[in-house]
Every structure is written in structure tokens, then in C-alpha cells.
């Protein structure tokens, strides 16, 4: 296979991988490696397919080969760190992500991943540090804002709200951020704020059983019992077996009786 044909095959394999046609992409990467066993990108991208399928040993073997061939490429170390994290090898995962950052101080993925790992280790101060560094590189990352908010919700709830609100700004058509911030408001007894944000979600025609249930709880807390009952019933229209709404409606009926 000539260099030109290898380049063409790589482009085709990358396109297949981007369309989640993993088996076809995997087969093509292996053919490329058969003709060019020094192609570090083929090993690297093959490792990502193995990671998607949770074949961690194969993923590790391929990414290590890529690093052996091109040790100065930051993203290789970053993805190796992710493979090690999935393998629960947290100490070495941290080392690889720090190597990635040393090679590229703008490697968002490794800053973000270190935030994830340190949160997993319950080292929340470190987690906040790395999420903040990630957001300096990409302040439009909804997942980084959401994860940082979740960490703040544990250690400094007053700092969580702005990041939850940023997620809503970035993903206005997704009910999940509204559910997350409403959980935050309920946990911190900010019931009026909970009502306000969830009524906004409803005005945007967003609906989910969790959203309705949380709004029912908030209405109940501010003595709007009829509205509360309506929300629990809306949740049960979506899922008649949804236990939180069933329990809340039962408790509300007991209060009224």
C-alpha cells in the first residue's frame, strides 16, 4: 500500500469512526497497520474504538504502541489516561494526564479528566482546580460546568448555582440541566427559586417526570398544594410507576385528608 493509499485509507477509516461504523473502521486501521506498522495515528484511533467497546487490554496495548512511536503527542497521553481511568488505575491515569498537559498546556481533555478523577477520589479541592482550568480553555463546555457545579454542591453550594445556570444557557432544550439545578435548590431549601426555574422550563415546553416531580415538591414546600398535586399527576402520566411521584402524591393526599 503506497503512502498515498495509506493516507486515503486513514481518511476513510476516520470518517467511518466518526459515523460510529466501528467494525469497518477497525478493520481498515488493522489493514493500514499491516502495511505500515509505524503509523502511530492508526494505533491511537484503533485504541479509541477498543475503549468504546470496553476492551481495555486491547485499547491499552494500541495506545502504548502509539506512544512508543510518537511519545511527544499530547493527545495520546490524554487518551491513555482515560483508558487507565476506565481500568481503575487512577494513580497512573493522573500521571498520564499530567504528561499530556506538560506537552500541551491547552489540552482541555486532560484538565477536564483530572477534574473527573479527583472528584472520584473525593479530593474536591483538586477537582475544582482542574475543572476551572478546563473552563479557562473552553468556557462553553456544558459538561465541565455541570460537573463543577456538582462538586461545588458538595463543598460550597453557593458557588454551584452560576454553573448550573450556565449549563441551561448552553443547552436550553435539554430538561436535564433544569432537573439538576432544581435538585440543588431543593437540597438547599430554595423553594421559590426552584419554582421559578422549573416554571421557566415548562414555558419552554420541556417536560420529564423528574422535572414535574421536583416542581411538585417545591410547590408543596410553599403551600401550593393543588399545583403540587397537578405536577405529581403529570409525572405519573409520563410514567405511571414512577415511585417518587407515587409516594409524594400519596403523602400529599394523607396531608389533605
Protein backbone atom coordinates (compact mmCIF):
# COMPACT_ATOMS: atom_id res chain seq x y z
CA UNK A 1 0.00 0.00 0.00
CA UNK A 2 1.61 3.27 -1.12
CA UNK A 3 1.82 6.31 1.16
CA UNK A 4 -0.94 7.94 -0.90
CA UNK A 5 -3.23 4.95 -0.48
CA UNK A 6 -2.49 4.78 3.26
CA UNK A 7 -3.47 8.45 3.63
CA UNK A 8 -6.65 7.78 1.70
CA UNK A 9 -7.41 4.71 3.83
CA UNK A 10 -6.82 6.73 7.02
CA UNK A 11 -9.28 9.39 5.90
CA UNK A 12 -11.86 6.71 5.10
CA UNK A 13 -11.32 4.96 8.46
CA UNK A 14 -11.64 8.25 10.37
CA UNK A 15 -14.86 9.01 8.51
CA UNK A 16 -16.24 5.55 9.35
CA UNK A 17 -15.29 6.02 13.00
CA UNK A 18 -16.97 9.44 13.13
CA UNK A 19 -20.19 7.77 11.91
CA UNK A 20 -19.90 5.05 14.57
CA UNK A 21 -19.20 2.35 12.00
CA UNK A 22 -16.63 0.94 14.35
CA UNK A 23 -16.11 -2.56 12.96
CA UNK A 24 -15.49 -1.25 9.44
CA UNK A 25 -13.10 1.42 10.78
CA UNK A 26 -11.32 -1.13 12.97
CA UNK A 27 -10.79 -3.48 10.04
CA UNK A 28 -9.34 -0.65 7.95
CA UNK A 29 -6.98 0.51 10.72
CA UNK A 30 -5.66 -3.03 11.03
CA UNK A 31 -5.03 -3.19 7.28
CA UNK A 32 -3.17 0.11 7.49
CA UNK A 33 -1.02 -1.20 10.34
CA UNK A 34 -0.29 -4.39 8.36
CA UNK A 35 1.21 -2.21 5.62
CA UNK A 36 2.70 0.47 7.90
CA UNK A 37 3.44 -0.72 11.42
CA UNK A 38 4.91 2.70 12.30
CA UNK A 39 1.59 4.50 11.82
CA UNK A 40 1.02 5.87 15.30
CA UNK A 41 -2.31 7.52 14.42
CA UNK A 42 -3.76 4.17 13.32
CA UNK A 43 -2.79 2.59 16.64
CA UNK A 44 -4.17 5.58 18.54
CA UNK A 45 -7.53 5.64 16.76
CA UNK A 46 -7.84 1.87 16.99
CA UNK A 47 -7.37 2.16 20.76
CA UNK A 48 -10.34 4.54 20.94
CA UNK A 49 -12.57 2.01 19.20
CA UNK A 50 -11.46 -0.68 21.64
CA UNK A 51 -12.23 1.71 24.50
CA UNK A 52 -15.76 2.30 23.18
CA UNK A 53 -16.30 -1.47 23.31
CA UNK A 54 -14.72 -1.67 26.80
CA UNK A 55 -11.86 -3.85 25.53
CA UNK A 56 -9.44 -2.20 27.90
CA UNK A 57 -6.45 -4.51 27.42
CA UNK A 58 -6.58 -4.09 23.63
CA UNK A 59 -7.08 -0.34 24.00
CA UNK A 60 -4.10 -0.10 26.32
CA UNK A 61 -1.88 -2.16 24.02
CA UNK A 62 -2.65 0.01 20.99
CA UNK A 63 -2.28 3.37 22.74
CA UNK A 64 1.03 2.26 24.27
CA UNK A 65 2.28 1.40 20.78
CA UNK A 66 1.22 4.84 19.55
CA UNK A 67 3.09 6.49 22.44
CA UNK A 68 6.15 4.32 21.81
CA UNK A 69 6.21 5.58 18.21
CA UNK A 70 5.38 9.23 18.99
CA UNK A 71 5.93 10.00 22.70
CA UNK A 72 5.61 13.78 22.25
CA UNK A 73 1.97 13.81 21.12
CA UNK A 74 -0.17 15.16 23.97
CA UNK A 75 -3.50 13.63 22.93
CA UNK A 76 -2.01 10.11 23.02
CA UNK A 77 -1.15 10.53 26.69
CA UNK A 78 -4.54 12.11 27.35
CA UNK A 79 -6.40 9.14 25.88
CA UNK A 80 -4.06 6.72 27.63
CA UNK A 81 -5.03 8.47 30.85
CA UNK A 82 -8.70 7.89 30.03
CA UNK A 83 -8.05 4.20 29.36
CA UNK A 84 -6.21 3.89 32.68
CA UNK A 85 -9.10 5.64 34.44
CA UNK A 86 -11.57 3.19 32.93
CA UNK A 87 -9.25 0.40 34.16
CA UNK A 88 -9.43 1.92 37.68
CA UNK A 89 -5.71 2.62 37.60
CA UNK A 90 -6.18 6.12 38.95
CA UNK A 91 -2.64 6.96 40.04
CA UNK A 92 -1.18 6.24 36.61
CA UNK A 93 -4.14 7.91 34.90
CA UNK A 94 -3.29 11.12 36.76
CA UNK A 95 0.35 10.79 35.69
CA UNK A 96 -0.57 10.39 32.02
CA UNK A 97 -2.90 13.37 32.04
CA UNK A 98 -0.21 15.49 33.66
CA UNK A 99 2.24 14.35 30.97
CA UNK A 100 -0.32 15.37 28.36
CA UNK A 101 -0.62 18.84 29.91
CA UNK A 102 3.16 19.20 30.10
CA UNK A 103 3.28 18.57 26.34
CA UNK A 104 0.31 20.84 25.61
CA UNK A 105 -0.83 23.38 28.17
CA UNK A 106 -4.07 23.86 26.18
CA UNK A 107 -5.14 20.22 26.42
CA UNK A 108 -8.72 20.72 27.61
CA UNK A 109 -9.42 16.99 27.74
CA UNK A 110 -6.73 16.29 30.32
CA UNK A 111 -7.65 19.21 32.57
CA UNK A 112 -11.27 18.07 32.42
CA UNK A 113 -10.37 14.41 33.03
CA UNK A 114 -8.27 15.32 36.05
CA UNK A 115 -11.34 17.10 37.43
CA UNK A 116 -13.30 13.88 36.97
CA UNK A 117 -10.63 11.69 38.57
CA UNK A 118 -10.09 13.92 41.61
CA UNK A 119 -13.87 14.11 42.16
CA UNK A 120 -13.93 10.30 42.04
CA UNK A 121 -11.18 10.30 44.68
CA UNK A 122 -13.21 12.82 46.74
CA UNK A 123 -10.34 15.29 46.50
CA UNK A 124 -12.80 18.07 45.75
CA UNK A 125 -10.38 20.99 46.03
CA UNK A 126 -8.18 19.44 43.33
CA UNK A 127 -11.23 18.63 41.26
CA UNK A 128 -12.38 22.27 41.36
CA UNK A 129 -8.87 23.40 40.43
CA UNK A 130 -8.75 21.31 37.27
CA UNK A 131 -12.34 21.96 36.20
CA UNK A 132 -11.62 25.69 36.46
CA UNK A 133 -8.51 25.29 34.34
CA UNK A 134 -10.52 23.34 31.78
CA UNK A 135 -13.14 26.10 31.66
CA UNK A 136 -10.47 28.74 31.10
CA UNK A 137 -9.72 26.86 27.88
CA UNK A 138 -13.36 26.27 26.94
CA UNK A 139 -15.98 28.18 28.87
CA UNK A 140 -18.68 26.75 26.58
CA UNK A 141 -18.26 23.18 27.88
CA UNK A 142 -21.61 22.29 29.41
CA UNK A 143 -20.27 19.06 30.94
CA UNK A 144 -17.42 20.86 32.70
CA UNK A 145 -19.79 23.49 34.11
CA UNK A 146 -22.22 20.78 35.23
CA UNK A 147 -19.52 18.67 36.88
CA UNK A 148 -18.00 21.68 38.61
CA UNK A 149 -21.46 22.61 39.89
CA UNK A 150 -21.91 19.08 41.24
CA UNK A 151 -18.61 19.33 43.12
CA UNK A 152 -19.49 22.77 44.49
CA UNK A 153 -22.86 21.37 45.55
CA UNK A 154 -20.90 19.15 47.94
CA UNK A 155 -18.38 21.61 49.31
CA UNK A 156 -19.62 25.16 48.65
CA UNK A 157 -23.25 25.23 47.46
CA UNK A 158 -23.28 29.00 46.96
CA UNK A 159 -20.81 28.59 44.09
CA UNK A 160 -22.85 25.89 42.32
CA UNK A 161 -25.78 27.96 41.09
CA UNK A 162 -23.95 30.04 38.47
CA UNK A 163 -22.51 26.94 36.83
CA UNK A 164 -25.87 25.14 36.73
CA UNK A 165 -27.38 28.26 35.15
CA UNK A 166 -24.57 28.33 32.58
CA UNK A 167 -25.43 24.76 31.59
CA UNK A 168 -29.04 25.83 31.00
CA UNK A 169 -27.80 28.72 28.87
CA UNK A 170 -25.64 26.35 26.80
CA UNK A 171 -28.25 23.58 26.44
CA UNK A 172 -31.64 25.32 26.64
CA UNK A 173 -33.61 22.47 25.06
CA UNK A 174 -32.42 19.78 27.45
CA UNK A 175 -34.56 19.18 30.57
CA UNK A 176 -31.68 17.56 32.47
CA UNK A 177 -29.91 20.82 33.47
CA UNK A 178 -33.22 22.11 34.86
CA UNK A 179 -33.57 18.91 36.88
CA UNK A 180 -30.01 19.26 38.19
CA UNK A 181 -30.41 22.86 39.33
CA UNK A 182 -33.83 22.09 40.83
CA UNK A 183 -32.23 19.27 42.84
CA UNK A 184 -29.69 21.82 44.03
CA UNK A 185 -32.41 24.29 45.02
CA UNK A 186 -34.45 21.61 46.81
CA UNK A 187 -31.40 20.37 48.70
CA UNK A 188 -30.68 23.91 49.86
CA UNK A 189 -34.36 24.76 50.61
CA UNK A 190 -34.51 27.45 47.93
CA UNK A 191 -38.07 26.53 47.03
CA UNK A 192 -39.14 29.75 45.35
CA UNK A 193 -36.10 29.67 43.10
CA UNK A 194 -36.90 26.05 42.30
CA UNK A 195 -40.44 27.01 41.29
CA UNK A 196 -39.17 29.90 39.18
CA UNK A 197 -36.64 27.86 37.21
CA UNK A 198 -38.96 24.90 36.63
CA UNK A 199 -41.84 27.13 35.56
CA UNK A 200 -39.38 28.59 33.05
CA UNK A 201 -38.64 25.07 31.81
CA UNK A 202 -42.36 24.41 31.40
CA UNK A 203 -42.77 27.68 29.49
CA UNK A 204 -40.12 26.33 27.11
CA UNK A 205 -42.28 23.21 26.61
CA UNK A 206 -39.76 20.97 28.34
CA UNK A 207 -41.18 18.01 30.17
CA UNK A 208 -39.96 15.00 32.12
CA UNK A 209 -41.25 13.05 35.07
CA UNK A 210 -38.33 14.26 37.22
CA UNK A 211 -38.98 17.87 36.30
CA UNK A 212 -42.68 17.62 37.20
CA UNK A 213 -41.93 15.74 40.41
CA UNK A 214 -39.40 18.33 41.58
CA UNK A 215 -41.80 21.15 40.79
CA UNK A 216 -44.47 19.31 42.78
CA UNK A 217 -42.12 19.12 45.77
CA UNK A 218 -41.31 22.82 45.50
CA UNK A 219 -44.98 23.80 45.23
CA UNK A 220 -45.75 21.69 48.28
CA UNK A 221 -42.98 23.41 50.23
CA UNK A 222 -44.52 26.83 49.54
CA UNK A 223 -48.04 25.58 50.38
CA UNK A 224 -49.33 25.44 46.80
CA UNK A 225 -50.94 22.05 47.35
CA UNK A 226 -53.22 21.98 44.32
CA UNK A 227 -50.40 22.89 41.95
CA UNK A 228 -48.24 20.30 43.72
CA UNK A 229 -50.83 17.59 43.13
CA UNK A 230 -51.13 18.54 39.47
CA UNK A 231 -47.38 18.20 39.00
CA UNK A 232 -47.21 14.75 40.60
CA UNK A 233 -50.09 13.67 38.36
CA UNK A 234 -48.30 14.99 35.27
CA UNK A 235 -45.22 12.99 36.27
CA UNK A 236 -47.38 9.88 36.55
CA UNK A 237 -48.89 10.49 33.12
CA UNK A 238 -45.40 10.06 31.73
CA UNK A 239 -44.64 7.01 33.90
CA UNK A 240 -47.48 5.57 35.96
CA UNK A 241 -44.98 3.51 38.00
CA UNK A 242 -42.66 6.40 38.87
CA UNK A 243 -42.19 5.74 42.58
CA UNK A 244 -41.09 9.23 43.78
CA UNK A 245 -44.24 10.81 42.32
CA UNK A 246 -46.44 7.97 43.60
CA UNK A 247 -45.02 8.39 47.10
CA UNK A 248 -45.28 12.18 47.00
CA UNK A 249 -48.87 12.08 45.79
CA UNK A 250 -49.75 9.53 48.47
CA UNK A 251 -48.18 11.72 51.17
CA UNK A 252 -49.95 14.80 49.84
CA UNK A 253 -53.30 13.02 49.91
CA UNK A 254 -52.65 11.98 53.50
CA UNK A 255 -51.92 15.59 54.43
CA UNK A 256 -55.14 16.80 52.84
CA UNK A 257 -57.21 14.06 54.47
